[in-house]
């Protein structure tokens, strides 16, 4: 009887430990639409998966024979934050999700931070990753002005930026956010929607994720990517600082090590291409996927 009791106690301990491990906080939530070939769509920093609503209606509608899995990352747009490195956890959990759902190398469409995650998936989890569509995202965001920047310099830049963000009071943060978002989308209704997502995002999650993006450099790692890749960029918002040719050269330079990459720049869209030039974006995605 005593041995049986001890065995039960040990078994309960093992089960509790297993339950604790299995209950790791979710790095994202998923909304699924449609039936057919799987697509995964990942939004940018501090955005909701709702940003893809119009895109999903066209790519995964009743006649499309596709199934869209739209992510909203933890801590963004009102989603509960989690502890630790959000992007690393999101990457691993997405690889696990693909296996668990038996999605068989889904195409991944990522906007900005979502594009960074898509690149990381193709680099670190090639068996789980199909075609890539990278929407206005670069392998080394911190190297746009100084291509020769070193990893320690990137880390120092990220740390300085994070310190500056943490030092801002609420009013300054809101004003800065409005200036930034106004340069990223054209229609006032879209600007207000994006600002609302940002205001509902967890401040520390945003700061930490932005630091990771600035400090990261995937320019050489993209050479490992086997997935066919389409990069859709923008330039019009930066026309006061650089001509289109210079911005296109930045995209070409940053993706130079990615074999067979296709790069196209929108003519009139700002950063949120899915809002500013949806027909152009969807047409190129459909052509690429099919």
Foldseek 3Di string as FASTA:
>chain_A
DVVVVVVVVVVVVVVVVVVVVVPAPDQKDKDKAAAAQEEEEEEAFQDALCLCVVVCCPCHNHPNRYMYIGIDGAQHQQHHHDDDDSLVRNLVVVLVVLVVVVNFAGEYEYAALGLCSLLVCLLPPVRSHAAYEYAAYFQAVLCLPPVPDDLVRLLVVLVVVLVVLVPDDPVVNLVVLLVVLCLAFPDPVVSVNSSSRNVSGHSVNSSSSSSVRSSGHCQQSLLNGPHAYEYEHEPPSCCVPDNPVSVVVSRCNSNVNHPNYHYDYDDDHGSSCCRHPVVVVSVVVVVVVD
